[in-house]
Each structure stands twice: as C-alpha cells, then as structure tokens.
Amino acid sequence: AQRALDGEAHTGVAQAQQDLGVALSGAGRYALPADALAAAHALYVKLLGPEHPAVASVLMNWGDALRQSDQPDAAEPKYRAALALDEKQLGADHPQTLLALNSLATLLAQRGQDDAAQALFERVLAGNRRLFGEHNGKLVPTMIALAGLAARRGDYAGSIAHDREALALADAALGPD
C-alpha cells in the first residue's frame, strides 16, 4: 500500500522491508531475511544518506540474521559498520551503541576470539554502569558473558567473581526467588 501511495522510494517501504527481514529471521527462516534487509539498507541509504541511524539499525538486524543463519564472516562487517555509525551519530554510551557493541562481542565470542570479545564486553559493562549505575540488573547479561569467557580461559576465580556479582545484582533487581 505504501508503495502505491509514494512509489518505491519511501522510508515506509524501507521500514516494511526491514520489519519483514526481522520477522523472517525471528521465525527461523534464515535464508530469506538477507534480501529484505539488503533492500531496506539500500533504500535507507538512498533516502536518508549512509550515516543515518536507520542505516545502523538495519545493519544490526542484517548482522543478526546472518549470525543466526551461521554466516559469521558476513555478519561481522555489518555489526562493525553499525557500531561505527552508532558511535559517530549517537555517542559511545548511547544504549543503541552499547547494543551494537554487545552484538559484535557476542559474535566474536562465538567465533572463539575471546580476547577481542572480552575487551568489547568490558566496554559494554563500563558504558552500562555509566548509564544505569553500579547496581542495576541490566549489567547481569554482560557479567555472565565475561564469566563465561573467563571460564573458557581457565580463569575460574575471575569467572566466579563475575558470576557472584551477576547473581547479587539479579537478586537485588528481581529478588532471590
């Protein structure tokens, strides 16, 4: 309907393409989202320019779809491009930037690039601490990720410390039960 009203070149069409790609990916149909997300990306770049936050958003979704379809080599440049745009447009501590940083860290951890992943997770944790404070449940997933990396390296004391801190924060935020 949006195409009929405004033609092919409209941000509503790009958003619909992006939503379709996200929905297909969420439904486990990983081979299909890339075309929709590529079309959304191209249209956003054409209409809004290559540095618009909507471009970063579609790149993140595209990276997610590629990672979920077991294409980490293709996902990494999408995540890196989204992160670069978010850092430039929104700043290092913006929640969207931290989400992009976390997605890239998760991908690197899945690929066994533990040192690089740890550095990024530490940036996520520091940024979230600045945004939400020292005692916020939003820190828990990153602490758990850092605990897992420490355990993989054989640093069980570090893993236990991260897990204990995560548990304490989760208990404070959600209650012990």
Protein backbone atom coordinates (compact mmCIF):
# COMPACT_ATOMS: atom_id res chain seq x y z
CA ALA A 1 0.00 0.00 0.00
CA GLN A 2 2.82 2.41 0.88
CA ARG A 3 4.46 1.70 -2.48
CA ALA A 4 1.25 2.59 -4.30
CA LEU A 5 0.94 5.87 -2.38
CA ASP A 6 4.51 7.04 -2.53
CA GLY A 7 6.29 4.88 -5.06
CA GLU A 8 9.25 2.64 -4.37
CA ALA A 9 11.42 5.34 -2.76
CA HIS A 10 9.82 5.93 0.63
CA THR A 11 11.09 5.29 4.14
CA GLY A 12 7.87 3.40 4.88
CA VAL A 13 8.85 0.86 2.23
CA ALA A 14 12.32 0.57 3.76
CA GLN A 15 10.82 0.06 7.21
CA ALA A 16 8.46 -2.59 5.88
CA GLN A 17 11.39 -4.39 4.23
CA GLN A 18 13.33 -4.24 7.49
CA ASP A 19 10.35 -5.49 9.51
CA LEU A 20 9.89 -8.36 7.05
CA GLY A 21 13.54 -9.33 7.38
CA VAL A 22 13.36 -9.25 11.19
CA ALA A 23 10.13 -11.28 11.19
CA LEU A 24 11.55 -13.91 8.83
CA SER A 25 14.67 -14.17 10.94
CA GLY A 26 12.60 -14.44 14.11
CA ALA A 27 10.57 -17.21 12.52
CA GLY A 28 13.74 -19.19 11.85
CA ARG A 29 13.62 -18.67 8.09
CA TYR A 30 17.22 -17.53 7.97
CA ALA A 31 17.80 -17.89 4.25
CA LEU A 32 15.16 -15.27 3.41
CA PRO A 33 15.83 -12.14 5.53
CA ALA A 34 19.01 -11.10 3.74
CA ASP A 35 17.18 -9.97 0.61
CA ALA A 36 14.64 -7.91 2.54
CA LEU A 37 17.30 -6.38 4.77
CA ALA A 38 19.58 -5.64 1.81
CA ALA A 39 16.69 -3.87 0.08
CA ALA A 40 15.88 -1.89 3.24
CA HIS A 41 19.54 -0.92 3.61
CA ALA A 42 19.82 0.26 0.01
CA LEU A 43 16.62 2.30 0.28
CA TYR A 44 17.59 3.91 3.60
CA VAL A 45 20.98 4.88 2.19
CA LYS A 46 19.32 6.33 -0.91
CA LEU A 47 16.68 8.29 1.00
CA LEU A 48 18.40 9.25 4.24
CA GLY A 49 22.10 9.02 3.48
CA PRO A 50 24.71 6.47 4.53
CA GLU A 51 25.15 7.81 8.07
CA HIS A 52 21.55 7.96 9.24
CA PRO A 53 20.68 5.98 12.42
CA ALA A 54 18.12 3.97 10.42
CA VAL A 55 21.02 2.64 8.33
CA ALA A 56 22.77 1.46 11.50
CA SER A 57 19.55 -0.18 12.68
CA VAL A 58 19.09 -2.19 9.50
CA LEU A 59 22.77 -3.17 9.53
CA MET A 60 22.35 -4.53 13.07
CA ASN A 61 19.29 -6.54 12.05
CA TRP A 62 21.10 -7.79 8.97
CA GLY A 63 24.07 -8.84 11.09
CA ASP A 64 21.74 -10.65 13.48
CA ALA A 65 20.09 -12.53 10.62
CA LEU A 66 23.46 -13.52 9.17
CA ARG A 67 24.78 -14.65 12.56
CA GLN A 68 21.64 -16.70 13.19
CA SER A 69 21.98 -18.31 9.78
CA ASP A 70 25.54 -19.38 10.67
CA GLN A 71 27.26 -16.81 8.47
CA PRO A 72 29.58 -15.12 11.00
CA ASP A 73 32.03 -13.89 8.37
CA ALA A 74 29.22 -11.99 6.65
CA ALA A 75 27.71 -10.78 9.94
CA GLU A 76 30.87 -9.20 11.35
CA PRO A 77 31.21 -6.35 8.83
CA LYS A 78 27.51 -5.49 9.27
CA TYR A 79 27.99 -5.27 13.05
CA ARG A 80 31.18 -3.24 12.69
CA ALA A 81 29.53 -0.80 10.28
CA ALA A 82 26.51 -0.40 12.57
CA LEU A 83 28.78 0.18 15.57
CA ALA A 84 30.81 2.80 13.72
CA LEU A 85 27.66 4.67 12.68
CA ASP A 86 26.15 4.49 16.17
CA GLU A 87 29.35 5.71 17.82
CA LYS A 88 29.58 8.62 15.38
CA GLN A 89 25.91 9.61 15.44
CA LEU A 90 24.82 8.70 18.97
CA GLY A 91 27.99 8.57 21.07
CA ALA A 92 29.86 5.80 22.85
CA ASP A 93 27.45 5.43 25.77
CA HIS A 94 24.15 5.53 23.92
CA PRO A 95 22.08 2.37 24.54
CA GLN A 96 21.95 1.62 20.79
CA THR A 97 25.73 1.89 20.55
CA LEU A 98 26.15 -0.43 23.52
CA LEU A 99 23.74 -2.91 21.92
CA ALA A 100 25.82 -2.88 18.72
CA LEU A 101 28.98 -3.34 20.77
CA ASN A 102 27.38 -6.24 22.65
CA SER A 103 26.27 -7.92 19.40
CA LEU A 104 29.77 -7.71 17.97
CA ALA A 105 31.26 -9.02 21.23
CA THR A 106 28.83 -11.94 21.22
CA LEU A 107 29.76 -12.81 17.64
CA LEU A 108 33.48 -12.65 18.42
CA ALA A 109 32.98 -14.87 21.49
CA GLN A 110 31.07 -17.39 19.38
CA ARG A 111 33.97 -17.42 16.94
CA GLY A 112 36.46 -18.07 19.74
CA GLN A 113 38.04 -14.61 19.58
CA ASP A 114 37.92 -14.36 23.34
CA ASP A 115 40.41 -11.52 23.91
CA ALA A 116 38.63 -9.24 21.44
CA ALA A 117 35.22 -10.25 22.81
CA GLN A 118 36.32 -9.59 26.38
CA ALA A 119 37.56 -6.10 25.52
CA LEU A 120 34.22 -5.27 23.91
CA PHE A 121 32.15 -6.79 26.74
CA GLU A 122 34.18 -4.71 29.20
CA ARG A 123 33.32 -1.59 27.20
CA VAL A 124 29.64 -2.60 27.27
CA LEU A 125 29.79 -3.15 31.02
CA ALA A 126 31.52 0.19 31.64
CA GLY A 127 29.03 2.03 29.43
CA ASN A 128 26.04 0.38 31.09
CA ARG A 129 27.46 1.23 34.51
CA ARG A 130 27.71 4.88 33.48
CA LEU A 131 24.16 4.82 32.11
CA PHE A 132 22.37 2.76 34.73
CA GLY A 133 24.60 2.83 37.80
CA GLU A 134 26.64 0.20 39.58
CA HIS A 135 23.73 -1.79 40.97
CA ASN A 136 21.41 -2.35 38.04
CA GLY A 137 20.10 -5.66 36.71
CA LYS A 138 20.92 -4.54 33.16
CA LEU A 139 24.56 -5.34 33.95
CA VAL A 140 23.85 -9.02 34.57
CA PRO A 141 23.98 -10.42 30.99
CA THR A 142 27.35 -8.80 30.31
CA MET A 143 28.76 -10.08 33.58
CA ILE A 144 27.59 -13.57 32.70
CA ALA A 145 29.26 -13.28 29.30
CA LEU A 146 32.51 -12.16 30.95
CA ALA A 147 32.24 -15.05 33.41
CA GLY A 148 31.90 -17.49 30.52
CA LEU A 149 34.95 -16.08 28.76
CA ALA A 150 36.99 -16.27 31.97
CA ALA A 151 35.97 -19.90 32.47
CA ARG A 152 36.97 -20.78 28.90
CA ARG A 153 40.43 -19.34 29.60
CA GLY A 154 40.68 -21.36 32.82
CA ASP A 155 40.38 -18.23 34.98
CA TYR A 156 37.91 -19.79 37.37
CA ALA A 157 38.47 -17.16 40.07
CA GLY A 158 37.53 -14.44 37.57
CA SER A 159 34.56 -16.45 36.36
CA ILE A 160 33.31 -16.97 39.91
CA ALA A 161 33.74 -13.28 40.72
CA HIS A 162 31.70 -12.22 37.68
CA ASP A 163 29.03 -14.82 38.39
CA ARG A 164 28.75 -13.81 42.04
CA GLU A 165 28.41 -10.14 41.12
CA ALA A 166 25.80 -11.02 38.48
CA LEU A 167 23.86 -13.11 40.98
CA ALA A 168 23.95 -10.35 43.60
CA LEU A 169 22.66 -7.81 41.09
CA ALA A 170 19.98 -10.15 39.83
CA ASP A 171 18.87 -10.88 43.39
CA ALA A 172 18.75 -7.15 44.17
CA ALA A 173 16.84 -6.35 40.99
CA LEU A 174 14.48 -9.32 40.89
CA GLY A 175 14.53 -10.83 44.34
CA PRO A 176 16.20 -14.11 45.32
CA ASP A 177 13.28 -16.36 44.28
